[in-house]
Amino acid sequence: MKAHVLAFLAVVAAFAWCYGPGLGHGFSSDDFVMLEYSRVTSAAEIVRERLLRGPRTDVASPWWRPGWLLVLNAGYEGFGMRPAAWRAALWTLHLLVAALVCRVAWRATAHRGLAVAAAALFAVSPAYAEALLWISAATNVLPAALCLLVAALAWARAVEGGARAARLVAWAAFLLSFLFREAAYHMPLVVCAAQCTLAPALPLRRRVAAGVLHALPFGAVVVLHNVLLNPFTVGELSLGENLAVAARHGIAWLHELFALPARGTAALGALAAFAVWFWRASPRVRFCLAWAAAASFPFVVRSHETRFLYFAHTPLALACALTFADSRRVARAGTLVLLALAALNATRVPAKVRAGAEAAAVNDSFLVAADDPRFAGAGTVHVDLLPPELANGAREMLALRLGRDVEVVQHLLLEERPPFLIFGNPAFPDLPGAQPMLHFARATRRFARTTKDELVAGRPVVPLLAFRHVVRTVDDWAEVRFDPAVVHLKPPLPDLDLTGEGTAKVVWVRAGTVQRFDVGVDVPRDGYLVVAFVAELTAIGGRAFVDGAPAPLLVADGLFNAVPVRRGSREVVIKASP
């Protein structure tokens, strides 16, 4: 067997050692959503309803990703509910991407060890563990990343060698990637960077002009896709607020990308090192670095979804290999450096795998607790609260387990402030005391069977949103004795007329994002809308608006928040600071 094959098998073994313990972990909640969709939808329906008709909002995913849905459908037909089989297939695709990185690095550097080390650095990275452990994410990230890697490499080859066929390959792979995920929005920048860096013999002005000219058609496709097929919006924030969010996400990106020990000064240092590296690098290294920066766009926009780092790590691995390609002696030293970095990364993977195992264990405990004779004939399973792992997909999980549709109703808030029991579902007080429920214990992070009376256990039950028309002023929060009919405030008080008849009430609630939710109200007389958040919105820069006009956001009872609302108001909007 050839030496380079043995070397890459060592990369496969290293990956299996790092990620292997997560092979048989269960599905995540989003996985259940997509598996249930695949169970009830045929491939022909996906082609007819999703590929040919565009995005839909009445199905499991509002995104236009027909290729992703077809992959999920084929996987469900082939692997069913066996997570180990799913991950084995998806990890094979990941190793195929690593093999392509190895092949390209080998051809570019003519050094086998350096190429294998770059592939190892990419293969065992913990930065995008989410893209490998989360099946519903892996099924769209990995195919899209493979397409975009082929597209960028083909365009780079076309610029260096003038091959027309390579341009066609780049275009085909670019367009194909949209079937799996809208991750190709950075491709115009990659095309422009290739023209500017990989043709150093031409004058700079001519290179820039060629880059812009070739990037325009790619940009036109991106704009058309965003307008016609992409329903995603970034939230109702101002331009300055969005820039602040992007800046914080950019620092988080550097932290995840380079495993920095601190986010502030270390991030600035990394930027300075990146600038020096870019200035002194060869044309190919400059292209790979520009490509990596452009491919980080999704993460900078949406941050928490670390799976987006997958798109930036392929060019970074190539840049690392090309940096040490000056001579054989330097290449040997570079190989040792990259292998050391890969080994350091490998030590960080088990923590990511354990986190995925814990999330799967929470899901399993929910299924076991819900599989109870008291729920067998009921169409509704009542739950006190659902942790983040189950915020989406609980209904689909039970449907796949029980073989029938079951409604899952959450009554309380995830946060709890003893001795209060805060409920978000207005129907909770009307449930009978003997109503069977599932209780999520925070200490063990597992579900158990209980009843409403056992859950309440004599504690005051407080609604998340409620109007109060009686006010008492206090100078010290220690003086407050909680009364559900009274709101305690510190002076000075807003000028409200609390006399009159009628009681204000909440008509509807529409939660948008973590940044905002809207409350429809019916206010026959002035009152205070008390919001029973555990974290005081006033302390984190929260804001309130009544019928579009800014309104005070007050501390109520020393625990909660209150918004003064005048008679005749129709809508209250509460925003958290971005």
Protein backbone atom coordinates (compact mmCIF):
# COMPACT_ATOMS: atom_id res chain seq x y z
CA MET A 1 0.00 0.00 0.00
CA LYS A 2 1.34 3.42 -0.92
CA ALA A 3 2.76 5.63 1.83
CA HIS A 4 0.32 8.48 1.23
CA VAL A 5 -2.65 6.10 1.62
CA LEU A 6 -1.28 4.85 4.92
CA ALA A 7 -0.71 8.43 6.05
CA PHE A 8 -4.31 9.40 5.30
CA LEU A 9 -5.57 6.27 7.05
CA ALA A 10 -3.78 7.64 10.10
CA VAL A 11 -5.88 10.81 9.73
CA VAL A 12 -9.01 8.64 9.59
CA ALA A 13 -7.87 6.81 12.73
CA ALA A 14 -7.26 10.12 14.54
CA PHE A 15 -10.73 11.33 13.57
CA ALA A 16 -12.30 8.07 14.76
CA TRP A 17 -10.46 8.36 18.08
CA CYS A 18 -11.75 11.94 18.59
CA TYR A 19 -15.31 11.72 17.34
CA GLY A 20 -15.94 7.99 17.50
CA PRO A 21 -17.52 8.02 20.99
CA GLY A 22 -20.31 10.20 19.56
CA LEU A 23 -21.19 7.77 16.78
CA GLY A 24 -24.12 6.12 18.54
CA HIS A 25 -25.49 9.12 20.41
CA GLY A 26 -29.17 9.80 19.85
CA PHE A 27 -30.84 12.42 17.68
CA SER A 28 -31.31 16.08 18.53
CA SER A 29 -34.74 17.73 18.65
CA ASP A 30 -34.32 19.32 15.21
CA ASP A 31 -33.34 15.92 13.86
CA PHE A 32 -36.73 14.58 14.94
CA VAL A 33 -38.48 17.43 13.12
CA MET A 34 -36.75 16.59 9.87
CA LEU A 35 -37.06 12.81 10.33
CA GLU A 36 -40.81 13.14 10.88
CA TYR A 37 -41.01 15.28 7.73
CA SER A 38 -39.06 12.61 5.82
CA ARG A 39 -41.37 9.89 7.15
CA VAL A 40 -44.53 11.54 5.82
CA THR A 41 -43.09 13.08 2.62
CA SER A 42 -41.88 11.23 -0.47
CA ALA A 43 -38.98 12.25 -2.69
CA ALA A 44 -41.43 12.99 -5.50
CA GLU A 45 -43.37 15.37 -3.25
CA ILE A 46 -40.15 17.17 -2.28
CA VAL A 47 -39.24 17.67 -5.94
CA ARG A 48 -42.73 18.83 -6.81
CA GLU A 49 -43.45 21.01 -3.77
CA ARG A 50 -40.00 22.32 -2.78
CA LEU A 51 -37.67 22.18 -5.79
CA LEU A 52 -40.16 23.53 -8.31
CA ARG A 53 -42.32 25.84 -6.16
CA GLY A 54 -39.80 27.60 -3.93
CA PRO A 55 -39.78 28.12 -0.13
CA ARG A 56 -42.77 27.16 1.99
CA THR A 57 -43.68 28.31 5.49
CA ASP A 58 -46.13 25.52 6.32
CA VAL A 59 -43.60 22.67 6.45
CA ALA A 60 -40.76 21.57 8.70
CA SER A 61 -38.23 23.97 7.16
CA PRO A 62 -39.10 27.32 5.54
CA TRP A 63 -35.77 27.40 3.70
CA TRP A 64 -35.44 26.55 0.02
CA ARG A 65 -33.14 23.56 0.43
CA PRO A 66 -34.60 20.78 -1.71
CA GLY A 67 -31.26 18.95 -1.95
CA TRP A 68 -31.05 18.81 1.83
CA LEU A 69 -34.59 17.45 2.10
CA LEU A 70 -33.82 14.81 -0.53
CA VAL A 71 -30.69 13.75 1.38
CA LEU A 72 -32.75 13.47 4.57
CA ASN A 73 -35.43 11.51 2.76
CA ALA A 74 -32.88 9.09 1.28
CA GLY A 75 -31.21 8.74 4.66
CA TYR A 76 -34.49 7.96 6.40
CA GLU A 77 -35.28 5.32 3.80
CA GLY A 78 -31.83 3.78 4.18
CA PHE A 79 -30.97 4.25 7.86
CA GLY A 80 -34.33 4.82 9.55
CA MET A 81 -33.94 5.71 13.24
CA ARG A 82 -30.34 4.45 13.62
CA PRO A 83 -28.17 7.47 14.47
CA ALA A 84 -24.93 5.47 14.20
CA ALA A 85 -25.65 4.65 10.55
CA TRP A 86 -26.49 8.29 9.81
CA ARG A 87 -23.28 9.57 11.36
CA ALA A 88 -21.13 6.90 9.71
CA ALA A 89 -22.35 8.02 6.29
CA LEU A 90 -21.99 11.73 7.05
CA TRP A 91 -18.55 11.34 8.60
CA THR A 92 -17.47 9.48 5.45
CA LEU A 93 -18.45 12.61 3.52
CA HIS A 94 -16.43 14.74 5.97
CA LEU A 95 -13.38 12.53 5.44
CA LEU A 96 -13.91 12.85 1.68
CA VAL A 97 -13.62 16.64 2.09
CA ALA A 98 -10.47 16.11 4.18
CA ALA A 99 -9.08 13.84 1.45
CA LEU A 100 -9.71 16.56 -1.13
CA VAL A 101 -7.88 19.07 1.10
CA CYS A 102 -5.00 16.59 1.36
CA ARG A 103 -4.91 16.04 -2.41
CA VAL A 104 -4.92 19.75 -3.25
CA ALA A 105 -2.27 20.52 -0.61
CA TRP A 106 -0.08 17.73 -1.91
CA ARG A 107 -0.27 18.97 -5.50
CA ALA A 108 0.39 22.55 -4.41
CA THR A 109 3.32 21.82 -2.06
CA ALA A 110 4.75 18.55 -3.45
CA HIS A 111 5.23 17.45 0.16
CA ARG A 112 3.25 14.45 1.37
CA GLY A 113 3.75 15.01 5.09
CA LEU A 114 2.71 18.64 4.93
CA ALA A 115 -0.45 17.75 2.99
CA VAL A 116 -1.44 15.01 5.43
CA ALA A 117 -0.80 17.31 8.41
CA ALA A 118 -3.07 19.97 6.87
CA ALA A 119 -5.77 17.34 6.31
CA ALA A 120 -5.42 16.19 9.94
CA LEU A 121 -5.68 19.78 11.18
CA PHE A 122 -8.93 20.14 9.26
CA ALA A 123 -10.38 16.70 10.04
CA VAL A 124 -10.13 16.78 13.85
CA SER A 125 -11.01 20.41 14.48
CA PRO A 126 -13.47 20.90 17.37
CA ALA A 127 -14.57 24.34 16.09
CA TYR A 128 -17.37 22.93 13.95
CA ALA A 129 -18.20 19.80 15.98
CA GLU A 130 -21.85 20.85 15.71
CA ALA A 131 -21.67 20.23 11.95
CA LEU A 132 -20.53 16.64 12.55
CA LEU A 133 -22.56 15.61 15.59
CA TRP A 134 -25.89 17.25 14.71
CA ILE A 135 -27.39 15.16 11.90
CA SER A 136 -29.87 17.73 10.58
CA ALA A 137 -26.99 20.25 10.33
CA ALA A 138 -24.47 17.83 8.82
CA THR A 139 -26.84 16.83 6.03
CA ASN A 140 -26.83 20.39 4.65
CA VAL A 141 -23.44 21.78 5.76
CA LEU A 142 -21.25 18.95 4.44
CA PRO A 143 -22.70 18.72 0.89
CA ALA A 144 -22.73 22.53 0.57
CA ALA A 145 -19.15 22.77 1.85
CA LEU A 146 -17.98 20.14 -0.63
CA CYS A 147 -19.64 22.03 -3.49
CA LEU A 148 -18.13 25.36 -2.44
CA LEU A 149 -14.67 23.84 -1.98
CA VAL A 150 -14.83 22.46 -5.53
CA ALA A 151 -16.15 25.80 -6.84
CA ALA A 152 -13.37 27.88 -5.27
CA LEU A 153 -10.59 25.48 -6.29
CA ALA A 154 -11.90 25.26 -9.85
CA TRP A 155 -12.05 29.04 -10.17
CA ALA A 156 -8.52 29.37 -8.78
CA ARG A 157 -7.30 26.85 -11.34
CA ALA A 158 -9.07 28.75 -14.11
CA VAL A 159 -7.35 32.01 -13.08
CA GLU A 160 -3.91 30.40 -12.92
CA GLY A 161 -4.22 28.28 -16.06
CA GLY A 162 -6.99 29.91 -18.09
CA ALA A 163 -8.98 26.68 -18.37
CA ARG A 164 -12.53 27.38 -19.54
CA ALA A 165 -13.75 23.98 -18.33
CA ALA A 166 -12.64 24.88 -14.81
CA ARG A 167 -14.87 27.97 -14.88
CA LEU A 168 -17.83 25.82 -15.88
CA VAL A 169 -17.09 23.42 -13.03
CA ALA A 170 -16.92 26.37 -10.61
CA TRP A 171 -20.29 27.68 -11.79
CA ALA A 172 -21.93 24.24 -11.61
CA ALA A 173 -20.66 23.58 -8.07
CA PHE A 174 -21.65 27.10 -6.97
CA LEU A 175 -25.22 26.68 -8.21
CA LEU A 176 -25.48 23.13 -6.84
CA SER A 177 -24.55 24.31 -3.34
CA PHE A 178 -27.78 26.35 -3.11
CA LEU A 179 -29.79 23.13 -3.16
CA PHE A 180 -28.36 22.23 0.25
CA ARG A 181 -27.83 25.56 2.02
CA GLU A 182 -27.70 29.29 1.29
CA ALA A 183 -23.97 29.33 2.15
CA ALA A 184 -22.56 30.57 -1.18
CA TYR A 185 -23.23 34.26 -0.57
CA HIS A 186 -19.50 34.85 -0.13
CA MET A 187 -18.59 33.36 -3.52
CA PRO A 188 -18.41 36.75 -5.36
CA LEU A 189 -15.73 37.82 -2.86
CA VAL A 190 -13.83 34.57 -3.42
CA VAL A 191 -13.92 35.08 -7.19
CA CYS A 192 -12.72 38.66 -6.85
CA ALA A 193 -9.94 37.58 -4.46
CA ALA A 194 -8.77 34.91 -6.90
CA GLN A 195 -8.47 37.42 -9.73
CA CYS A 196 -6.61 39.90 -7.49
CA THR A 197 -4.13 37.49 -5.90
CA LEU A 198 -3.47 34.65 -8.36
CA ALA A 199 -2.43 36.76 -11.36
CA PRO A 200 0.45 38.84 -9.89
CA ALA A 201 1.99 39.51 -13.32
CA LEU A 202 -0.87 41.83 -14.25
CA PRO A 203 -1.11 45.43 -12.97
CA LEU A 204 -3.15 45.78 -9.78
CA ARG A 205 -5.76 48.01 -11.41
CA ARG A 206 -6.35 45.45 -14.14
CA ARG A 207 -6.59 42.61 -11.62
CA VAL A 208 -9.14 44.49 -9.54
CA ALA A 209 -11.19 45.33 -12.64
CA ALA A 210 -11.14 41.69 -13.75
CA GLY A 211 -12.11 40.56 -10.26
CA VAL A 212 -15.10 42.88 -10.11
CA LEU A 213 -16.17 41.95 -13.64
CA HIS A 214 -16.09 38.20 -12.94
CA ALA A 215 -17.72 38.60 -9.52
CA LEU A 216 -20.74 40.49 -10.86
CA PRO A 217 -22.56 37.45 -12.35
CA PHE A 218 -22.02 35.53 -9.10
CA GLY A 219 -23.33 38.51 -7.17
CA ALA A 220 -26.40 38.70 -9.39
CA VAL A 221 -27.22 35.05 -8.62
CA VAL A 222 -26.76 35.71 -4.89
CA VAL A 223 -29.11 38.72 -5.01
CA LEU A 224 -31.76 36.79 -6.95
CA HIS A 225 -31.56 33.88 -4.52
CA ASN A 226 -31.81 36.18 -1.51
CA VAL A 227 -34.81 38.04 -2.92
CA LEU A 228 -36.75 35.10 -4.35
CA LEU A 229 -35.80 32.03 -2.31
CA ASN A 230 -34.43 33.11 1.07
CA PRO A 231 -37.03 33.99 3.75
CA PHE A 232 -34.41 34.70 6.44
CA THR A 233 -34.25 38.16 8.03
CA VAL A 234 -31.70 39.38 10.55
CA GLY A 235 -34.24 40.90 12.94
CA GLU A 236 -35.66 44.34 13.48
CA LEU A 237 -32.46 46.11 14.53
CA SER A 238 -31.03 49.38 13.35
CA LEU A 239 -27.91 49.53 11.18
CA GLY A 240 -25.77 50.47 14.18
CA GLU A 241 -27.21 47.63 16.27
CA ASN A 242 -26.55 45.13 13.48
CA LEU A 243 -22.96 46.38 13.17
CA ALA A 244 -22.47 45.98 16.92
CA VAL A 245 -23.79 42.42 16.74
CA ALA A 246 -21.50 41.66 13.79
CA ALA A 247 -18.48 43.06 15.67
CA ARG A 248 -19.16 40.81 18.66
CA HIS A 249 -19.73 37.84 16.42
CA GLY A 250 -16.46 38.59 14.61
CA ILE A 251 -14.53 38.48 17.88
CA ALA A 252 -16.31 35.23 18.77
CA TRP A 253 -15.32 33.90 15.33
CA LEU A 254 -11.65 34.61 15.99
CA HIS A 255 -11.95 32.99 19.40
CA GLU A 256 -13.46 29.81 17.96
CA LEU A 257 -11.18 29.74 14.96
CA PHE A 258 -7.88 30.04 16.80
CA ALA A 259 -8.92 28.77 20.28
CA LEU A 260 -7.83 32.07 21.83
CA PRO A 261 -7.60 32.18 25.64
CA ALA A 262 -9.28 35.61 25.77
CA ARG A 263 -11.61 37.41 23.39
CA GLY A 264 -10.53 41.06 23.53
CA THR A 265 -6.79 41.69 23.32
CA ALA A 266 -6.08 38.19 21.96
CA ALA A 267 -8.49 38.83 19.09
CA LEU A 268 -6.70 42.08 18.22
CA GLY A 269 -3.37 40.25 18.37
CA ALA A 270 -4.70 37.58 16.04
CA LEU A 271 -5.85 40.26 13.60
CA ALA A 272 -2.40 41.86 13.67
CA ALA A 273 -0.70 38.50 13.06
CA PHE A 274 -3.15 37.81 10.25
CA ALA A 275 -2.29 41.16 8.60
CA VAL A 276 1.47 40.45 8.76
CA TRP A 277 0.93 36.92 7.49
CA PHE A 278 -1.17 38.19 4.61
CA TRP A 279 1.33 40.91 3.65
CA ARG A 280 4.33 38.56 3.51
CA ALA A 281 2.54 35.54 2.03
CA SER A 282 2.72 34.05 -1.46
CA PRO A 283 -0.16 34.68 -3.92
CA ARG A 284 -1.74 31.29 -3.20
CA VAL A 285 -1.58 31.81 0.55
CA ARG A 286 -3.12 35.27 0.14
CA PHE A 287 -5.94 33.77 -1.88
CA CYS A 288 -6.63 31.08 0.73
CA LEU A 289 -6.64 33.63 3.55
CA ALA A 290 -8.98 35.95 1.66
CA TRP A 291 -11.17 32.94 0.87
CA ALA A 292 -11.27 31.96 4.57
CA ALA A 293 -12.20 35.50 5.61
CA ALA A 294 -14.99 35.63 3.03
CA ALA A 295 -16.28 32.17 3.99
CA SER A 296 -16.66 33.34 7.58
CA PHE A 297 -19.53 35.63 6.57
CA PRO A 298 -22.32 33.27 7.78
CA PHE A 299 -20.76 32.96 11.22
CA VAL A 300 -20.28 36.71 11.59
CA VAL A 301 -23.97 37.19 10.75
CA ARG A 302 -25.39 34.41 12.95
CA SER A 303 -22.56 33.62 15.41
CA HIS A 304 -23.92 30.91 17.70
CA GLU A 305 -24.18 28.39 14.92
CA THR A 306 -20.56 27.24 15.03
CA ARG A 307 -21.19 24.79 12.21
CA PHE A 308 -20.63 27.72 9.85
CA LEU A 309 -16.91 27.59 10.68
CA TYR A 310 -16.72 24.50 8.47
CA PHE A 311 -16.74 26.70 5.36
CA ALA A 312 -13.71 28.71 6.54
CA HIS A 313 -11.57 25.81 7.75
CA THR A 314 -10.94 24.23 4.35
CA PRO A 315 -9.08 27.28 2.94
CA LEU A 316 -7.35 27.81 6.31
CA ALA A 317 -5.95 24.28 6.22
CA LEU A 318 -4.69 24.87 2.68
CA ALA A 319 -3.16 28.21 3.72
CA CYS A 320 -1.30 26.50 6.59
CA ALA A 321 0.14 23.91 4.21
CA LEU A 322 1.15 26.50 1.60
CA THR A 323 2.81 28.72 4.22
CA PHE A 324 5.47 26.07 4.93
CA ALA A 325 6.09 25.08 1.30
CA ASP A 326 9.23 27.22 0.69
CA SER A 327 11.74 24.36 1.06
CA ARG A 328 11.86 20.74 2.18
CA ARG A 329 13.46 21.69 5.51
CA VAL A 330 10.77 24.28 6.20
CA ALA A 331 8.12 21.78 5.06
CA ARG A 332 9.35 19.21 7.57
CA ALA A 333 9.22 21.77 10.36
CA GLY A 334 5.78 22.91 9.21
CA THR A 335 4.54 19.32 9.23
CA LEU A 336 5.52 18.99 12.89
CA VAL A 337 3.87 22.32 13.73
CA LEU A 338 0.59 21.39 12.02
CA LEU A 339 0.56 17.94 13.60
CA ALA A 340 1.09 19.53 17.02
CA LEU A 341 -1.81 21.90 16.38
CA ALA A 342 -3.96 18.98 15.26
CA ALA A 343 -3.10 17.07 18.44
CA LEU A 344 -3.98 20.13 20.52
CA ASN A 345 -7.32 20.40 18.72
CA ALA A 346 -7.97 16.71 19.27
CA THR A 347 -7.82 17.21 23.04
CA ARG A 348 -10.72 19.69 22.81
CA VAL A 349 -13.06 17.38 20.88
CA PRO A 350 -14.16 15.05 23.73
CA ALA A 351 -15.83 17.94 25.59
CA LYS A 352 -17.90 18.72 22.48
CA VAL A 353 -18.83 15.05 22.13
CA ARG A 354 -19.88 14.85 25.78
CA ALA A 355 -22.10 17.92 25.33
CA GLY A 356 -23.81 16.22 22.40
CA ALA A 357 -24.26 13.06 24.47
CA GLU A 358 -25.89 15.03 27.27
CA ALA A 359 -28.37 16.63 24.85
CA ALA A 360 -29.25 13.19 23.46
CA ALA A 361 -29.72 11.85 27.00
CA VAL A 362 -32.20 14.64 27.77
CA ASN A 363 -34.19 13.68 24.68
CA ASP A 364 -34.14 10.00 25.64
CA SER A 365 -35.39 10.73 29.15
CA PHE A 366 -38.29 12.71 27.66
CA LEU A 367 -39.28 9.77 25.46
CA VAL A 368 -39.08 7.30 28.35
CA ALA A 369 -41.14 9.52 30.67
CA ALA A 370 -43.78 10.22 28.01
CA ASP A 371 -44.20 6.52 27.20
CA ASP A 372 -46.71 6.11 30.04
CA PRO A 373 -50.18 4.49 30.07
CA ARG A 374 -51.66 7.76 31.38
CA PHE A 375 -50.56 9.46 28.15
CA ALA A 376 -51.27 6.50 25.86
CA GLY A 377 -54.86 7.43 25.12
CA ALA A 378 -54.42 11.20 25.40
CA GLY A 379 -53.81 13.49 22.49
CA THR A 380 -51.86 15.95 24.64
CA VAL A 381 -48.76 15.61 26.81
CA HIS A 382 -48.49 18.38 29.42
CA VAL A 383 -44.93 19.44 30.33
CA ASP A 384 -43.86 21.95 32.96
CA LEU A 385 -41.03 23.20 30.75
CA LEU A 386 -38.86 22.16 27.83
CA PRO A 387 -35.09 22.75 27.98
CA PRO A 388 -33.27 24.24 24.95
CA GLU A 389 -32.51 20.75 23.65
CA LEU A 390 -36.26 20.23 23.21
CA ALA A 391 -37.39 23.74 22.29
CA ASN A 392 -38.10 22.39 18.82
CA GLY A 393 -39.05 18.85 17.90
CA ALA A 394 -40.78 17.45 21.00
CA ARG A 395 -44.02 16.77 19.12
CA GLU A 396 -42.21 15.08 16.22
CA MET A 397 -40.13 13.02 18.66
CA LEU A 398 -43.25 11.58 20.25
CA ALA A 399 -44.91 11.04 16.87
CA LEU A 400 -41.97 8.91 15.74
CA ARG A 401 -41.92 7.01 19.06
CA LEU A 402 -45.69 6.46 19.51
CA GLY A 403 -46.66 6.25 15.85
CA ARG A 404 -49.37 8.94 16.08
CA ASP A 405 -49.71 12.70 16.38
CA VAL A 406 -49.43 14.02 19.93
CA GLU A 407 -49.58 17.64 21.02
CA VAL A 408 -46.94 18.78 23.53
CA VAL A 409 -47.94 21.75 25.72
CA GLN A 410 -45.38 23.63 27.80
CA HIS A 411 -46.87 25.53 30.73
CA LEU A 412 -44.04 27.14 32.68
CA LEU A 413 -40.94 29.17 31.86
CA LEU A 414 -37.52 27.62 31.61
CA GLU A 415 -36.26 30.15 34.15
CA GLU A 416 -37.54 29.87 37.69
CA ARG A 417 -37.41 32.32 40.59
CA PRO A 418 -38.20 30.66 43.92
CA PRO A 419 -40.60 30.74 45.58
CA PHE A 420 -42.67 31.63 42.50
CA LEU A 421 -43.93 29.35 39.77
CA ILE A 422 -44.09 31.44 36.59
CA PHE A 423 -46.34 30.14 33.85
CA GLY A 424 -46.58 31.24 30.25
CA ASN A 425 -49.61 29.23 29.19
CA PRO A 426 -52.86 30.96 30.31
CA ALA A 427 -54.57 27.54 30.52
CA PHE A 428 -52.28 26.31 33.31
CA PRO A 429 -54.42 27.54 36.28
CA ASP A 430 -57.45 25.70 34.85
CA LEU A 431 -55.77 22.28 34.76
CA PRO A 432 -57.11 19.85 37.40
CA GLY A 433 -54.78 19.14 40.29
CA ALA A 434 -54.50 15.45 39.33
CA GLN A 435 -53.49 16.27 35.74
CA PRO A 436 -50.55 14.00 34.75
CA MET A 437 -47.52 16.07 33.68
CA LEU A 438 -43.85 15.67 32.87
CA HIS A 439 -41.42 17.54 35.10
CA PHE A 440 -37.93 18.55 33.98
CA ALA A 441 -35.52 18.48 36.94
CA ARG A 442 -32.75 21.03 36.46
CA ALA A 443 -30.37 19.32 38.85
CA THR A 444 -30.31 16.00 36.98
CA ARG A 445 -31.46 17.38 33.59
CA ARG A 446 -33.90 14.52 33.24
CA PHE A 447 -37.69 14.19 32.95
CA ALA A 448 -39.94 12.51 35.51
CA ARG A 449 -43.68 11.91 35.80
CA THR A 450 -45.70 14.07 38.18
CA THR A 451 -49.06 15.83 38.61
CA LYS A 452 -49.98 19.49 38.69
CA ASP A 453 -50.51 19.50 42.48
CA GLU A 454 -47.14 17.89 43.08
CA LEU A 455 -45.52 20.42 40.75
CA VAL A 456 -47.09 23.49 42.38
CA ALA A 457 -46.43 22.25 45.93
CA GLY A 458 -48.12 25.28 47.51
CA ARG A 459 -46.01 27.92 45.73
CA PRO A 460 -47.52 31.18 44.39
CA VAL A 461 -48.42 30.76 40.71
CA VAL A 462 -47.55 33.91 38.72
CA PRO A 463 -48.37 34.56 35.04
CA LEU A 464 -45.61 35.68 32.71
CA LEU A 465 -47.73 38.65 31.55
CA ALA A 466 -50.48 40.25 33.63
CA PHE A 467 -52.00 43.68 34.18
CA ARG A 468 -52.23 45.27 37.63
CA HIS A 469 -54.21 48.41 38.50
CA VAL A 470 -53.22 48.82 42.17
CA VAL A 471 -49.87 50.44 42.99
CA ARG A 472 -47.92 50.75 46.22
CA THR A 473 -44.71 52.76 46.46
CA VAL A 474 -41.72 51.45 48.39
CA ASP A 475 -38.27 52.85 49.17
CA ASP A 476 -36.65 49.50 49.88
CA TRP A 477 -37.42 46.26 48.05
CA ALA A 478 -37.05 44.41 51.35
CA GLU A 479 -40.37 45.97 52.37
CA VAL A 480 -42.26 44.20 49.56
CA ARG A 481 -44.76 41.49 50.45
CA PHE A 482 -45.80 39.89 47.21
CA ASP A 483 -49.43 40.32 46.22
CA PRO A 484 -50.59 39.17 42.74
CA ALA A 485 -53.10 42.05 42.60
CA VAL A 486 -50.63 44.81 43.50
CA VAL A 487 -47.55 46.16 41.76
CA HIS A 488 -44.81 47.63 43.99
CA LEU A 489 -42.74 50.44 42.44
CA LYS A 490 -40.15 52.92 43.62
CA PRO A 491 -40.98 56.63 43.16
CA PRO A 492 -41.30 58.69 41.08
CA LEU A 493 -44.29 57.05 39.42
CA PRO A 494 -45.58 57.61 35.88
CA ASP A 495 -48.66 59.83 35.57
CA LEU A 496 -51.38 57.19 35.13
CA ASP A 497 -55.05 57.36 36.01
CA LEU A 498 -55.70 53.98 37.64
CA THR A 499 -59.33 54.78 38.48
CA GLY A 500 -62.23 53.69 36.34
CA GLU A 501 -63.88 50.44 35.44
CA GLY A 502 -62.71 47.35 33.62
CA THR A 503 -59.55 45.29 33.78
CA ALA A 504 -56.86 45.40 31.15
CA LYS A 505 -55.87 42.04 29.68
CA VAL A 506 -53.44 40.41 27.31
CA VAL A 507 -55.16 39.43 24.06
CA TRP A 508 -52.33 37.75 22.21
CA VAL A 509 -48.57 37.25 22.40
CA ARG A 510 -46.28 36.89 19.41
CA ALA A 511 -42.69 35.95 20.17
CA GLY A 512 -40.38 36.91 17.33
CA THR A 513 -36.77 36.34 18.34
CA VAL A 514 -34.78 36.50 21.55
CA GLN A 515 -34.49 40.20 20.76
CA ARG A 516 -38.21 41.00 20.72
CA PHE A 517 -41.75 39.90 21.43
CA ASP A 518 -45.07 41.65 20.82
CA VAL A 519 -48.09 41.70 23.13
CA GLY A 520 -51.59 42.60 21.97
CA VAL A 521 -53.56 44.28 24.78
CA ASP A 522 -57.09 45.46 25.57
CA VAL A 523 -56.83 48.40 28.02
CA PRO A 524 -60.15 49.89 29.19
CA ARG A 525 -58.27 51.86 31.89
CA ASP A 526 -54.65 52.73 32.66
CA GLY A 527 -52.55 50.00 34.24
CA TYR A 528 -49.15 48.34 34.46
CA LEU A 529 -48.22 45.34 32.33
CA VAL A 530 -46.04 43.24 34.67
CA VAL A 531 -43.52 41.00 32.88
CA ALA A 532 -42.30 38.20 35.14
CA PHE A 533 -38.86 37.75 33.62
CA VAL A 534 -36.26 36.47 36.05
CA ALA A 535 -33.53 38.61 34.50
CA GLU A 536 -34.53 42.24 34.91
CA LEU A 537 -34.77 43.78 31.49
CA THR A 538 -33.81 47.14 32.95
CA ALA A 539 -30.43 45.73 33.96
CA ILE A 540 -29.57 44.54 30.46
CA GLY A 541 -30.70 47.62 28.57
CA GLY A 542 -34.14 46.38 27.59
CA ARG A 543 -36.64 48.76 26.00
CA ALA A 544 -40.42 48.95 25.81
CA PHE A 545 -42.75 50.54 23.23
CA VAL A 546 -46.49 51.13 23.49
CA ASP A 547 -48.18 51.56 20.10
CA GLY A 548 -44.77 52.37 18.63
CA ALA A 549 -43.84 55.10 21.13
CA PRO A 550 -41.02 54.54 23.69
CA ALA A 551 -42.34 53.72 27.18
CA PRO A 552 -40.62 53.40 30.57
CA LEU A 553 -39.46 49.93 31.60
CA LEU A 554 -39.63 49.81 35.41
CA VAL A 555 -38.50 47.38 38.09
CA ALA A 556 -41.59 45.89 39.77
CA ASP A 557 -41.70 44.09 43.14
CA GLY A 558 -37.90 44.10 43.14
CA LEU A 559 -38.11 41.00 40.95
CA PHE A 560 -39.98 41.65 37.75
CA ASN A 561 -40.52 44.41 35.17
CA ALA A 562 -43.49 46.67 34.50
CA VAL A 563 -44.56 48.82 31.54
CA PRO A 564 -47.09 51.65 32.14
CA VAL A 565 -49.88 51.34 29.56
CA ARG A 566 -52.56 53.99 28.99
CA ARG A 567 -56.21 53.41 28.19
CA GLY A 568 -56.93 52.51 24.56
CA SER A 569 -53.45 51.14 23.82
CA ARG A 570 -53.34 48.17 21.46
CA GLU A 571 -49.80 46.80 21.37
CA VAL A 572 -46.79 46.58 23.67
CA VAL A 573 -43.39 45.64 22.23
CA ILE A 574 -40.52 44.59 24.49
CA LYS A 575 -36.99 44.43 23.10
CA ALA A 576 -33.83 43.17 24.73
CA SER A 577 -30.56 44.97 24.09
CA PRO A 578 -28.76 43.46 21.07
